[in-house]
Amino acid sequence: MPKHLHSFRHAFLLLPLAAGLLAGCLEQVPGLGPDPRMVVRENEAKAIGSACRHAMRGIEDCYTLNPKAPKAMVFAGWKEMDEYMREHKLEGTPSVLTQKPEPVRAREDDVETEYTRPRS
C-alpha cells in the first residue's frame, strides 16, 4: 500500500475523534449556543413558578398572573419547588396580593365647586 494512502486512512480515523472533542467547545463559541435572552426568559419563568408554589398559588393562578411567561417553564419551576417543599416538609407562605385601594370618591353633594359656593 502506498505511504500517502496510509496517512489518509489515519486522518479519516482521527476525524470523528477530533469532532467529538470539539463538540464540547461549541457552547463557548459566541453565536453557536442558545440565545442568552431565551435562557434568561426561561430562568425567570422557572423562578415565577417556584415563587407561585411557595406562595401557595395554584398553577392556573400563576399562569393567569403571568400571561407572558412560557407556561412550560413556569410549570417546571412550580413542580421543582413542590418537590423541594415536600421533601423538606416546608409550608408555603400565603400570598397577599397588594391591590391598589380604590380612591375615595366624594359624593356629588360633598364636592365644592365654584357654582355651589355662595357668591360674595
PDB file of N, CA and C in Angstrom:
ATOM      1  N   MET A   1       0.852  -1.165   0.000  1.00  0.00           N
ATOM      2  CA  MET A   1       0.000   0.000   0.000  1.00  0.00           C
ATOM      3  C   MET A   1       0.904   1.235   0.000  1.00  0.00           C
ATOM      4  N   PRO A   2       0.569   2.214  -0.822  1.00  0.00           N
ATOM      5  CA  PRO A   2       1.386   3.425  -0.871  1.00  0.00           C
ATOM      6  C   PRO A   2       1.308   4.166   0.459  1.00  0.00           C
ATOM      7  N   LYS A   3       2.374   4.843   0.773  1.00  0.00           N
ATOM      8  CA  LYS A   3       2.509   5.526   2.065  1.00  0.00           C
ATOM      9  C   LYS A   3       1.516   6.687   2.212  1.00  0.00           C
ATOM     10  N   HIS A   4       1.228   7.413   1.120  1.00  0.00           N
ATOM     11  CA  HIS A   4       0.316   8.560   1.234  1.00  0.00           C
ATOM     12  C   HIS A   4      -1.119   8.113   1.512  1.00  0.00           C
ATOM     13  N   LEU A   5      -1.549   6.938   1.061  1.00  0.00           N
ATOM     14  CA  LEU A   5      -2.879   6.438   1.367  1.00  0.00           C
ATOM     15  C   LEU A   5      -2.983   6.019   2.828  1.00  0.00           C
ATOM     16  N   HIS A   6      -1.877   5.516   3.361  1.00  0.00           N
ATOM     17  CA  HIS A   6      -1.849   5.111   4.763  1.00  0.00           C
ATOM     18  C   HIS A   6      -2.079   6.317   5.683  1.00  0.00           C
ATOM     19  N   SER A   7      -1.534   7.466   5.368  1.00  0.00           N
ATOM     20  CA  SER A   7      -1.719   8.660   6.200  1.00  0.00           C
ATOM     21  C   SER A   7      -3.140   9.205   6.085  1.00  0.00           C
ATOM     22  N   PHE A   8      -3.776   9.049   4.898  1.00  0.00           N
ATOM     23  CA  PHE A   8      -5.163   9.484   4.754  1.00  0.00           C
ATOM     24  C   PHE A   8      -6.096   8.625   5.605  1.00  0.00           C
ATOM     25  N   ARG A   9      -5.811   7.332   5.711  1.00  0.00           N
ATOM     26  CA  ARG A   9      -6.648   6.454   6.500  1.00  0.00           C
ATOM     27  C   ARG A   9      -6.569   6.850   7.980  1.00  0.00           C
ATOM     28  N   HIS A  10      -5.393   7.197   8.455  1.00  0.00           N
ATOM     29  CA  HIS A  10      -5.257   7.651   9.840  1.00  0.00           C
ATOM     30  C   HIS A  10      -6.013   8.965  10.057  1.00  0.00           C
ATOM     31  N   ALA A  11      -5.978   9.836   9.066  1.00  0.00           N
ATOM     32  CA  ALA A  11      -6.685  11.105   9.183  1.00  0.00           C
ATOM     33  C   ALA A  11      -8.192  10.879   9.263  1.00  0.00           C
ATOM     34  N   PHE A  12      -8.722   9.957   8.453  1.00  0.00           N
ATOM     35  CA  PHE A  12     -10.159   9.673   8.494  1.00  0.00           C
ATOM     36  C   PHE A  12     -10.564   8.978   9.792  1.00  0.00           C
ATOM     37  N   LEU A  13      -9.661   8.210  10.371  1.00  0.00           N
ATOM     38  CA  LEU A  13      -9.958   7.569  11.636  1.00  0.00           C
ATOM     39  C   LEU A  13      -9.924   8.574  12.794  1.00  0.00           C
ATOM     40  N   LEU A  14      -9.078   9.576  12.707  1.00  0.00           N
ATOM     41  CA  LEU A  14      -8.972  10.578  13.760  1.00  0.00           C
ATOM     42  C   LEU A  14     -10.027  11.674  13.637  1.00  0.00           C
ATOM     43  N   LEU A  15     -10.656  11.794  12.470  1.00  0.00           N
ATOM     44  CA  LEU A  15     -11.654  12.847  12.248  1.00  0.00           C
ATOM     45  C   LEU A  15     -12.832  12.747  13.221  1.00  0.00           C
ATOM     46  N   PRO A  16     -13.453  11.570  13.422  1.00  0.00           N
ATOM     47  CA  PRO A  16     -14.555  11.508  14.407  1.00  0.00           C
ATOM     48  C   PRO A  16     -14.092  11.814  15.828  1.00  0.00           C
ATOM     49  N   LEU A  17     -12.886  11.409  16.166  1.00  0.00           N
ATOM     50  CA  LEU A  17     -12.366  11.693  17.489  1.00  0.00           C
ATOM     51  C   LEU A  17     -12.194  13.197  17.696  1.00  0.00           C
ATOM     52  N   ALA A  18     -11.642  13.866  16.699  1.00  0.00           N
ATOM     53  CA  ALA A  18     -11.451  15.317  16.786  1.00  0.00           C
ATOM     54  C   ALA A  18     -12.798  16.041  16.839  1.00  0.00           C
ATOM     55  N   ALA A  19     -13.756  15.575  16.048  1.00  0.00           N
ATOM     56  CA  ALA A  19     -15.084  16.192  16.056  1.00  0.00           C
ATOM     57  C   ALA A  19     -15.743  16.030  17.427  1.00  0.00           C
ATOM     58  N   GLY A  20     -15.573  14.871  18.029  1.00  0.00           N
ATOM     59  CA  GLY A  20     -16.140  14.639  19.358  1.00  0.00           C
ATOM     60  C   GLY A  20     -15.513  15.522  20.415  1.00  0.00           C
ATOM     61  N   LEU A  21     -14.228  15.729  20.335  1.00  0.00           N
ATOM     62  CA  LEU A  21     -13.557  16.599  21.299  1.00  0.00           C
ATOM     63  C   LEU A  21     -13.959  18.058  21.123  1.00  0.00           C
ATOM     64  N   LEU A  22     -14.142  18.477  19.888  1.00  0.00           N
ATOM     65  CA  LEU A  22     -14.508  19.867  19.634  1.00  0.00           C
ATOM     66  C   LEU A  22     -15.986  20.141  19.901  1.00  0.00           C
ATOM     67  N   ALA A  23     -16.811  19.112  19.932  1.00  0.00           N
ATOM     68  CA  ALA A  23     -18.246  19.309  20.152  1.00  0.00           C
ATOM     69  C   ALA A  23     -18.515  19.941  21.515  1.00  0.00           C
ATOM     70  N   GLY A  24     -17.695  19.658  22.491  1.00  0.00           N
ATOM     71  CA  GLY A  24     -17.878  20.250  23.813  1.00  0.00           C
ATOM     72  C   GLY A  24     -17.542  21.726  23.856  1.00  0.00           C
ATOM     73  N   CYS A  25     -16.811  22.213  22.886  1.00  0.00           N
ATOM     74  CA  CYS A  25     -16.402  23.619  22.853  1.00  0.00           C
ATOM     75  C   CYS A  25     -17.405  24.512  22.151  1.00  0.00           C
ATOM     76  N   LEU A  26     -18.394  23.937  21.471  1.00  0.00           N
ATOM     77  CA  LEU A  26     -19.310  24.745  20.678  1.00  0.00           C
ATOM     78  C   LEU A  26     -20.131  25.705  21.531  1.00  0.00           C
ATOM     79  N   GLU A  27     -20.402  25.341  22.773  1.00  0.00           N
ATOM     80  CA  GLU A  27     -21.192  26.226  23.628  1.00  0.00           C
ATOM     81  C   GLU A  27     -20.421  27.482  23.999  1.00  0.00           C
ATOM     82  N   GLN A  28     -19.098  27.417  23.940  1.00  0.00           N
ATOM     83  CA  GLN A  28     -18.286  28.564  24.310  1.00  0.00           C
ATOM     84  C   GLN A  28     -18.047  29.511  23.143  1.00  0.00           C
ATOM     85  N   VAL A  29     -18.366  29.078  21.926  1.00  0.00           N
ATOM     86  CA  VAL A  29     -18.185  29.926  20.754  1.00  0.00           C
ATOM     87  C   VAL A  29     -19.394  30.845  20.651  1.00  0.00           C
ATOM     88  N   PRO A  30     -19.165  32.165  20.615  1.00  0.00           N
ATOM     89  CA  PRO A  30     -20.305  33.089  20.536  1.00  0.00           C
ATOM     90  C   PRO A  30     -21.138  32.833  19.289  1.00  0.00           C
ATOM     91  N   GLY A  31     -22.441  32.833  19.461  1.00  0.00           N
ATOM     92  CA  GLY A  31     -23.350  32.671  18.347  1.00  0.00           C
ATOM     93  C   GLY A  31     -23.733  31.225  18.086  1.00  0.00           C
ATOM     94  N   LEU A  32     -23.079  30.268  18.691  1.00  0.00           N
ATOM     95  CA  LEU A  32     -23.399  28.869  18.440  1.00  0.00           C
ATOM     96  C   LEU A  32     -24.194  28.236  19.571  1.00  0.00           C
ATOM     97  N   GLY A  33     -24.266  28.880  20.708  1.00  0.00           N
ATOM     98  CA  GLY A  33     -25.024  28.347  21.832  1.00  0.00           C
ATOM     99  C   GLY A  33     -26.440  28.893  21.812  1.00  0.00           C
ATOM    100  N   PRO A  34     -27.192  28.622  22.853  1.00  0.00           N
ATOM    101  CA  PRO A  34     -28.560  29.153  22.932  1.00  0.00           C
ATOM    102  C   PRO A  34     -28.545  30.677  23.090  1.00  0.00           C
ATOM    103  N   ASP A  35     -29.600  31.304  22.650  1.00  0.00           N
ATOM    104  CA  ASP A  35     -29.725  32.759  22.747  1.00  0.00           C
ATOM    105  C   ASP A  35     -29.793  33.147  24.226  1.00  0.00           C
ATOM    106  N   PRO A  36     -28.904  34.044  24.673  1.00  0.00           N
ATOM    107  CA  PRO A  36     -28.899  34.408  26.102  1.00  0.00           C
ATOM    108  C   PRO A  36     -30.222  34.998  26.570  1.00  0.00           C
ATOM    109  N   ARG A  37     -30.919  35.700  25.708  1.00  0.00           N
ATOM    110  CA  ARG A  37     -32.211  36.272  26.112  1.00  0.00           C
ATOM    111  C   ARG A  37     -33.229  35.184  26.401  1.00  0.00           C
ATOM    112  N   MET A  38     -33.180  34.101  25.631  1.00  0.00           N
ATOM    113  CA  MET A  38     -34.107  32.996  25.876  1.00  0.00           C
ATOM    114  C   MET A  38     -33.754  32.266  27.169  1.00  0.00           C
ATOM    115  N   VAL A  39     -32.480  32.142  27.452  1.00  0.00           N
ATOM    116  CA  VAL A  39     -32.057  31.488  28.695  1.00  0.00           C
ATOM    117  C   VAL A  39     -32.532  32.303  29.890  1.00  0.00           C
ATOM    118  N   VAL A  40     -32.383  33.617  29.820  1.00  0.00           N
ATOM    119  CA  VAL A  40     -32.838  34.487  30.912  1.00  0.00           C
ATOM    120  C   VAL A  40     -34.352  34.390  31.067  1.00  0.00           C
ATOM    121  N   ARG A  41     -35.078  34.398  29.945  1.00  0.00           N
ATOM    122  CA  ARG A  41     -36.538  34.343  29.993  1.00  0.00           C
ATOM    123  C   ARG A  41     -37.008  33.026  30.616  1.00  0.00           C
ATOM    124  N   GLU A  42     -36.352  31.924  30.236  1.00  0.00           N
ATOM    125  CA  GLU A  42     -36.726  30.635  30.801  1.00  0.00           C
ATOM    126  C   GLU A  42     -36.413  30.564  32.292  1.00  0.00           C
ATOM    127  N   ASN A  43     -35.280  31.100  32.701  1.00  0.00           N
ATOM    128  CA  ASN A  43     -34.924  31.102  34.123  1.00  0.00           C
ATOM    129  C   ASN A  43     -35.886  31.957  34.932  1.00  0.00           C
ATOM    130  N   GLU A  44     -36.299  33.092  34.379  1.00  0.00           N
ATOM    131  CA  GLU A  44     -37.274  33.943  35.075  1.00  0.00           C
ATOM    132  C   GLU A  44     -38.608  33.230  35.206  1.00  0.00           C
ATOM    133  N   ALA A  45     -39.016  32.508  34.161  1.00  0.00           N
ATOM    134  CA  ALA A  45     -40.281  31.783  34.213  1.00  0.00           C
ATOM    135  C   ALA A  45     -40.229  30.681  35.271  1.00  0.00           C
ATOM    136  N   LYS A  46     -39.094  29.992  35.378  1.00  0.00           N
ATOM    137  CA  LYS A  46     -38.959  28.962  36.414  1.00  0.00           C
ATOM    138  C   LYS A  46     -39.005  29.592  37.803  1.00  0.00           C
ATOM    139  N   ALA A  47     -38.400  30.771  37.951  1.00  0.00           N
ATOM    140  CA  ALA A  47     -38.440  31.467  39.235  1.00  0.00           C
ATOM    141  C   ALA A  47     -39.867  31.896  39.570  1.00  0.00           C
ATOM    142  N   ILE A  48     -40.614  32.325  38.569  1.00  0.00           N
ATOM    143  CA  ILE A  48     -42.017  32.702  38.784  1.00  0.00           C
ATOM    144  C   ILE A  48     -42.807  31.492  39.262  1.00  0.00           C
ATOM    145  N   GLY A  49     -42.614  30.346  38.624  1.00  0.00           N
ATOM    146  CA  GLY A  49     -43.314  29.133  39.034  1.00  0.00           C
ATOM    147  C   GLY A  49     -42.960  28.727  40.453  1.00  0.00           C
ATOM    148  N   SER A  50     -41.681  28.828  40.796  1.00  0.00           N
ATOM    149  CA  SER A  50     -41.250  28.486  42.157  1.00  0.00           C
ATOM    150  C   SER A  50     -41.882  29.422  43.178  1.00  0.00           C
ATOM    151  N   ALA A  51     -41.892  30.696  42.863  1.00  0.00           N
ATOM    152  CA  ALA A  51     -42.482  31.673  43.784  1.00  0.00           C
ATOM    153  C   ALA A  51     -43.980  31.443  43.943  1.00  0.00           C
ATOM    154  N   CYS A  52     -44.640  31.092  42.855  1.00  0.00           N
ATOM    155  CA  CYS A  52     -46.074  30.818  42.946  1.00  0.00           C
ATOM    156  C   CYS A  52     -46.343  29.629  43.861  1.00  0.00           C
ATOM    157  N   ARG A  53     -45.554  28.585  43.738  1.00  0.00           N
ATOM    158  CA  ARG A  53     -45.755  27.407  44.590  1.00  0.00           C
ATOM    159  C   ARG A  53     -45.475  27.749  46.043  1.00  0.00           C
ATOM    160  N   HIS A  54     -44.431  28.508  46.292  1.00  0.00           N
ATOM    161  CA  HIS A  54     -44.109  28.882  47.666  1.00  0.00           C
ATOM    162  C   HIS A  54     -45.192  29.774  48.257  1.00  0.00           C
ATOM    163  N   ALA A  55     -45.847  30.557  47.406  1.00  0.00           N
ATOM    164  CA  ALA A  55     -46.927  31.431  47.862  1.00  0.00           C
ATOM    165  C   ALA A  55     -48.261  30.689  47.922  1.00  0.00           C
ATOM    166  N   MET A  56     -48.221  29.375  47.745  1.00  0.00           N
ATOM    167  CA  MET A  56     -49.399  28.509  47.809  1.00  0.00           C
ATOM    168  C   MET A  56     -50.443  28.867  46.761  1.00  0.00           C
ATOM    169  N   ARG A  57     -49.984  29.303  45.604  1.00  0.00           N
ATOM    170  CA  ARG A  57     -50.898  29.574  44.491  1.00  0.00           C
ATOM    171  C   ARG A  57     -50.979  28.337  43.622  1.00  0.00           C
ATOM    172  N   GLY A  58     -52.132  28.127  43.041  1.00  0.00           N
ATOM    173  CA  GLY A  58     -52.294  27.051  42.082  1.00  0.00           C
ATOM    174  C   GLY A  58     -51.591  27.417  40.780  1.00  0.00           C
ATOM    175  N   ILE A  59     -51.277  26.419  39.997  1.00  0.00           N
ATOM    176  CA  ILE A  59     -50.560  26.666  38.752  1.00  0.00           C
ATOM    177  C   ILE A  59     -51.412  27.493  37.788  1.00  0.00           C
ATOM    178  N   GLU A  60     -52.717  27.306  37.811  1.00  0.00           N
ATOM    179  CA  GLU A  60     -53.593  28.080  36.932  1.00  0.00           C
ATOM    180  C   GLU A  60     -53.572  29.560  37.307  1.00  0.00           C
ATOM    181  N   ASP A  61     -53.543  29.844  38.609  1.00  0.00           N
ATOM    182  CA  ASP A  61     -53.447  31.234  39.060  1.00  0.00           C
ATOM    183  C   ASP A  61     -52.124  31.846  38.622  1.00  0.00           C
ATOM    184  N   CYS A  62     -51.089  31.041  38.670  1.00  0.00           N
ATOM    185  CA  CYS A  62     -49.769  31.512  38.273  1.00  0.00           C
ATOM    186  C   CYS A  62     -49.765  31.878  36.781  1.00  0.00           C
ATOM    187  N   TYR A  63     -50.404  31.031  35.977  1.00  0.00           N
ATOM    188  CA  TYR A  63     -50.498  31.328  34.544  1.00  0.00           C
ATOM    189  C   TYR A  63     -51.277  32.620  34.313  1.00  0.00           C
ATOM    190  N   THR A  64     -52.346  32.797  35.068  1.00  0.00           N
ATOM    191  CA  THR A  64     -53.185  33.985  34.897  1.00  0.00           C
ATOM    192  C   THR A  64     -52.440  35.251  35.296  1.00  0.00           C
ATOM    193  N   LEU A  65     -51.685  35.180  36.379  1.00  0.00           N
ATOM    194  CA  LEU A  65     -50.959  36.352  36.857  1.00  0.00           C
ATOM    195  C   LEU A  65     -49.736  36.692  35.999  1.00  0.00           C
ATOM    196  N   ASN A  66     -49.237  35.722  35.237  1.00  0.00           N
ATOM    197  CA  ASN A  66     -48.033  35.916  34.417  1.00  0.00           C
ATOM    198  C   ASN A  66     -48.286  35.418  33.003  1.00  0.00           C
ATOM    199  N   PRO A  67     -49.122  36.115  32.242  1.00  0.00           N
ATOM    200  CA  PRO A  67     -49.505  35.595  30.922  1.00  0.00           C
ATOM    201  C   PRO A  67     -48.367  35.570  29.904  1.00  0.00           C
ATOM    202  N   LYS A  68     -47.341  36.376  30.080  1.00  0.00           N
ATOM    203  CA  LYS A  68     -46.263  36.423  29.093  1.00  0.00           C
ATOM    204  C   LYS A  68     -45.168  35.391  29.345  1.00  0.00           C
ATOM    205  N   ALA A  69     -45.167  34.782  30.513  1.00  0.00           N
ATOM    206  CA  ALA A  69     -44.137  33.791  30.855  1.00  0.00           C
ATOM    207  C   ALA A  69     -44.454  32.476  30.147  1.00  0.00           C
ATOM    208  N   PRO A  70     -43.409  31.786  29.650  1.00  0.00           N
ATOM    209  CA  PRO A  70     -43.646  30.485  28.999  1.00  0.00           C
ATOM    210  C   PRO A  70     -44.218  29.476  29.999  1.00  0.00           C
ATOM    211  N   LYS A  71     -45.369  28.920  29.658  1.00  0.00           N
ATOM    212  CA  LYS A  71     -46.082  28.051  30.599  1.00  0.00           C
ATOM    213  C   LYS A  71     -45.291  26.806  30.970  1.00  0.00           C
ATOM    214  N   ALA A  72     -44.569  26.250  30.033  1.00  0.00           N
ATOM    215  CA  ALA A  72     -43.812  25.033  30.329  1.00  0.00           C
ATOM    216  C   ALA A  72     -42.739  25.304  31.380  1.00  0.00           C
ATOM    217  N   MET A  73     -42.082  26.452  31.276  1.00  0.00           N
ATOM    218  CA  MET A  73     -41.035  26.785  32.237  1.00  0.00           C
ATOM    219  C   MET A  73     -41.632  27.165  33.593  1.00  0.00           C
ATOM    220  N   VAL A  74     -42.779  27.835  33.577  1.00  0.00           N
ATOM    221  CA  VAL A  74     -43.464  28.176  34.827  1.00  0.00           C
ATOM    222  C   VAL A  74     -43.847  26.885  35.549  1.00  0.00           C
ATOM    223  N   PHE A  75     -44.378  25.933  34.795  1.00  0.00           N
ATOM    224  CA  PHE A  75     -44.759  24.659  35.406  1.00  0.00           C
ATOM    225  C   PHE A  75     -43.539  23.912  35.935  1.00  0.00           C
ATOM    226  N   ALA A  76     -42.432  23.951  35.195  1.00  0.00           N
ATOM    227  CA  ALA A  76     -41.213  23.270  35.643  1.00  0.00           C
ATOM    228  C   ALA A  76     -40.732  23.852  36.973  1.00  0.00           C
ATOM    229  N   GLY A  77     -40.751  25.183  37.091  1.00  0.00           N
ATOM    230  CA  GLY A  77     -40.352  25.815  38.352  1.00  0.00           C
ATOM    231  C   GLY A  77     -41.312  25.490  39.476  1.00  0.00           C
ATOM    232  N   TRP A  78     -42.610  25.484  39.166  1.00  0.00           N
ATOM    233  CA  TRP A  78     -43.629  25.171  40.175  1.00  0.00           C
ATOM    234  C   TRP A  78     -43.438  23.751  40.679  1.00  0.00           C
ATOM    235  N   LYS A  79     -43.194  22.841  39.749  1.00  0.00           N
ATOM    236  CA  LYS A  79     -43.041  21.430  40.106  1.00  0.00           C
ATOM    237  C   LYS A  79     -41.768  21.197  40.924  1.00  0.00           C
ATOM    238  N   GLU A  80     -40.667  21.837  40.527  1.00  0.00           N
ATOM    239  CA  GLU A  80     -39.422  21.697  41.285  1.00  0.00           C
ATOM    240  C   GLU A  80     -39.588  22.193  42.717  1.00  0.00           C
ATOM    241  N   MET A  81     -40.254  23.332  42.878  1.00  0.00           N
ATOM    242  CA  MET A  81     -40.469  23.874  44.219  1.00  0.00           C
ATOM    243  C   MET A  81     -41.407  22.975  45.011  1.00  0.00           C
ATOM    244  N   ASP A  82     -42.402  22.403  44.364  1.00  0.00           N
ATOM    245  CA  ASP A  82     -43.319  21.499  45.048  1.00  0.00           C
ATOM    246  C   ASP A  82     -42.562  20.287  45.576  1.00  0.00           C
ATOM    247  N   GLU A  83     -41.696  19.702  44.742  1.00  0.00           N
ATOM    248  CA  GLU A  83     -40.903  18.552  45.182  1.00  0.00           C
ATOM    249  C   GLU A  83     -39.973  18.933  46.334  1.00  0.00           C
ATOM    250  N   TYR A  84     -39.350  20.106  46.231  1.00  0.00           N
ATOM    251  CA  TYR A  84     -38.446  20.569  47.273  1.00  0.00           C
ATOM    252  C   TYR A  84     -39.181  20.767  48.594  1.00  0.00           C
ATOM    253  N   MET A  85     -40.355  21.402  48.517  1.00  0.00           N
ATOM    254  CA  MET A  85     -41.115  21.677  49.734  1.00  0.00           C
ATOM    255  C   MET A  85     -41.623  20.391  50.382  1.00  0.00           C
ATOM    256  N   ARG A  86     -42.032  19.423  49.563  1.00  0.00           N
ATOM    257  CA  ARG A  86     -42.489  18.147  50.113  1.00  0.00           C
ATOM    258  C   ARG A  86     -41.329  17.375  50.738  1.00  0.00           C
ATOM    259  N   GLU A  87     -40.184  17.399  50.062  1.00  0.00           N
ATOM    260  CA  GLU A  87     -39.014  16.674  50.563  1.00  0.00           C
ATOM    261  C   GLU A  87     -38.546  17.222  51.908  1.00  0.00           C
ATOM    262  N   HIS A  88     -38.569  18.539  52.056  1.00  0.00           N
ATOM    263  CA  HIS A  88     -38.082  19.176  53.280  1.00  0.00           C
ATOM    264  C   HIS A  88     -39.203  19.542  54.253  1.00  0.00           C
ATOM    265  N   LYS A  89     -40.415  19.096  53.952  1.00  0.00           N
ATOM    266  CA  LYS A  89     -41.587  19.321  54.804  1.00  0.00           C
ATOM    267  C   LYS A  89     -41.756  20.807  55.144  1.00  0.00           C
ATOM    268  N   LEU A  90     -41.735  21.628  54.104  1.00  0.00           N
ATOM    269  CA  LEU A  90     -41.907  23.067  54.276  1.00  0.00           C
ATOM    270  C   LEU A  90     -43.343  23.463  53.980  1.00  0.00           C
ATOM    271  N   GLU A  91     -43.814  24.436  54.718  1.00  0.00           N
ATOM    272  CA  GLU A  91     -45.129  25.007  54.462  1.00  0.00           C
ATOM    273  C   GLU A  91     -44.954  26.259  53.623  1.00  0.00           C
ATOM    274  N   GLY A  92     -45.910  26.513  52.781  1.00  0.00           N
ATOM    275  CA  GLY A  92     -45.858  27.714  51.956  1.00  0.00           C
ATOM    276  C   GLY A  92     -46.255  28.944  52.744  1.00  0.00           C
ATOM    277  N   THR A  93     -45.982  30.083  52.171  1.00  0.00           N
ATOM    278  CA  THR A  93     -46.360  31.360  52.756  1.00  0.00           C
ATOM    279  C   THR A  93     -47.561  31.881  51.984  1.00  0.00           C
ATOM    280  N   PRO A  94     -48.689  32.099  52.656  1.00  0.00           N
ATOM    281  CA  PRO A  94     -49.867  32.575  51.921  1.00  0.00           C
ATOM    282  C   PRO A  94     -49.578  33.886  51.200  1.00  0.00           C
ATOM    283  N   SER A  95     -50.079  33.962  50.012  1.00  0.00           N
ATOM    284  CA  SER A  95     -49.863  35.147  49.194  1.00  0.00           C
ATOM    285  C   SER A  95     -50.848  36.241  49.571  1.00  0.00           C
ATOM    286  N   VAL A  96     -50.337  37.426  49.637  1.00  0.00           N
ATOM    287  CA  VAL A  96     -51.187  38.588  49.865  1.00  0.00           C
ATOM    288  C   VAL A  96     -50.953  39.511  48.675  1.00  0.00           C
ATOM    289  N   LEU A  97     -51.905  39.481  47.768  1.00  0.00           N
ATOM    290  CA  LEU A  97     -51.775  40.348  46.606  1.00  0.00           C
ATOM    291  C   LEU A  97     -52.039  41.777  47.039  1.00  0.00           C
ATOM    292  N   THR A  98     -51.140  42.638  46.692  1.00  0.00           N
ATOM    293  CA  THR A  98     -51.322  44.044  47.036  1.00  0.00           C
ATOM    294  C   THR A  98     -52.045  44.715  45.882  1.00  0.00           C
ATOM    295  N   GLN A  99     -53.276  45.025  46.134  1.00  0.00           N
ATOM    296  CA  GLN A  99     -54.073  45.715  45.135  1.00  0.00           C
ATOM    297  C   GLN A  99     -54.161  47.174  45.521  1.00  0.00           C
ATOM    298  N   LYS A 100     -54.188  47.998  44.527  1.00  0.00           N
ATOM    299  CA  LYS A 100     -54.325  49.423  44.802  1.00  0.00           C
ATOM    300  C   LYS A 100     -55.721  49.671  45.360  1.00  0.00           C
ATOM    301  N   PRO A 101     -55.787  50.356  46.475  1.00  0.00           N
ATOM    302  CA  PRO A 101     -57.122  50.655  47.004  1.00  0.00           C
ATOM    303  C   PRO A 101     -57.828  51.644  46.081  1.00  0.00           C
ATOM    304  N   GLU A 102     -59.113  51.452  45.984  1.00  0.00           N
ATOM    305  CA  GLU A 102     -59.877  52.375  45.145  1.00  0.00           C
ATOM    306  C   GLU A 102     -59.846  53.757  45.786  1.00  0.00           C
ATOM    307  N   PRO A 103     -59.673  54.789  44.967  1.00  0.00           N
ATOM    308  CA  PRO A 103     -59.661  56.130  45.541  1.00  0.00           C
ATOM    309  C   PRO A 103     -61.021  56.458  46.145  1.00  0.00           C
ATOM    310  N   VAL A 104     -60.974  57.130  47.254  1.00  0.00           N
ATOM    311  CA  VAL A 104     -62.206  57.510  47.940  1.00  0.00           C
ATOM    312  C   VAL A 104     -62.849  58.621  47.135  1.00  0.00           C
ATOM    313  N   ARG A 105     -64.036  58.333  46.672  1.00  0.00           N
ATOM    314  CA  ARG A 105     -64.748  59.328  45.874  1.00  0.00           C
ATOM    315  C   ARG A 105     -65.729  60.071  46.759  1.00  0.00           C
ATOM    316  N   ALA A 106     -65.689  61.330  46.627  1.00  0.00           N
ATOM    317  CA  ALA A 106     -66.626  62.143  47.395  1.00  0.00           C
ATOM    318  C   ALA A 106     -67.982  62.108  46.701  1.00  0.00           C
ATOM    319  N   ARG A 107     -69.006  62.197  47.495  1.00  0.00           N
ATOM    320  CA  ARG A 107     -70.337  62.244  46.894  1.00  0.00           C
ATOM    321  C   ARG A 107     -70.493  63.570  46.178  1.00  0.00           C
ATOM    322  N   GLU A 108     -71.397  63.590  45.246  1.00  0.00           N
ATOM    323  CA  GLU A 108     -71.569  64.799  44.435  1.00  0.00           C
ATOM    324  C   GLU A 108     -71.957  66.009  45.277  1.00  0.00           C
ATOM    325  N   ASP A 109     -72.752  65.803  46.312  1.00  0.00           N
ATOM    326  CA  ASP A 109     -73.171  66.959  47.108  1.00  0.00           C
ATOM    327  C   ASP A 109     -72.070  67.399  48.069  1.00  0.00           C
ATOM    328  N   ASP A 110     -71.019  66.576  48.249  1.00  0.00           N
ATOM    329  CA  ASP A 110     -69.901  66.965  49.093  1.00  0.00           C
ATOM    330  C   ASP A 110     -68.839  67.741  48.325  1.00  0.00           C
ATOM    331  N   VAL A 111     -68.883  67.660  47.017  1.00  0.00           N
ATOM    332  CA  VAL A 111     -67.859  68.313  46.215  1.00  0.00           C
ATOM    333  C   VAL A 111     -68.172  69.800  46.136  1.00  0.00           C
ATOM    334  N   GLU A 112     -67.175  70.580  46.452  1.00  0.00           N
ATOM    335  CA  GLU A 112     -67.359  72.024  46.429  1.00  0.00           C
ATOM    336  C   GLU A 112     -66.819  72.561  45.092  1.00  0.00           C
ATOM    337  N   THR A 113     -67.655  73.192  44.386  1.00  0.00           N
ATOM    338  CA  THR A 113     -67.232  73.820  43.124  1.00  0.00           C
ATOM    339  C   THR A 113     -67.564  75.289  43.195  1.00  0.00           C
ATOM    340  N   GLU A 114     -67.146  76.002  42.214  1.00  0.00           N
ATOM    341  CA  GLU A 114     -67.400  77.444  42.221  1.00  0.00           C
ATOM    342  C   GLU A 114     -68.865  77.771  42.065  1.00  0.00           C
ATOM    343  N   TYR A 115     -69.643  76.803  41.563  1.00  0.00           N
ATOM    344  CA  TYR A 115     -71.051  77.065  41.374  1.00  0.00           C
ATOM    345  C   TYR A 115     -71.861  76.770  42.634  1.00  0.00           C
ATOM    346  N   THR A 116     -71.341  75.939  43.515  1.00  0.00           N
ATOM    347  CA  THR A 116     -72.102  75.606  44.733  1.00  0.00           C
ATOM    348  C   THR A 116     -71.766  76.528  45.884  1.00  0.00           C
ATOM    349  N   ARG A 117     -70.677  77.254  45.784  1.00  0.00           N
ATOM    350  CA  ARG A 117     -70.331  78.178  46.862  1.00  0.00           C
ATOM    351  C   ARG A 117     -71.197  79.428  46.772  1.00  0.00           C
ATOM    352  N   PRO A 118     -71.543  79.944  47.883  1.00  0.00           N
ATOM    353  CA  PRO A 118     -72.299  81.204  47.830  1.00  0.00           C
ATOM    354  C   PRO A 118     -71.423  82.321  47.280  1.00  0.00           C
ATOM    355  N   ARG A 119     -71.999  83.107  46.455  1.00  0.00           N
ATOM    356  CA  ARG A 119     -71.247  84.209  45.853  1.00  0.00           C
ATOM    357  C   ARG A 119     -71.194  85.374  46.822  1.00  0.00           C
ATOM    358  N   SER A 120     -70.099  86.042  46.833  1.00  0.00           N
ATOM    359  CA  SER A 120     -69.971  87.171  47.731  1.00  0.00           C
ATOM    360  C   SER A 120     -70.077  88.488  47.023  1.00  0.00           C
TER     361      SER A 120
END
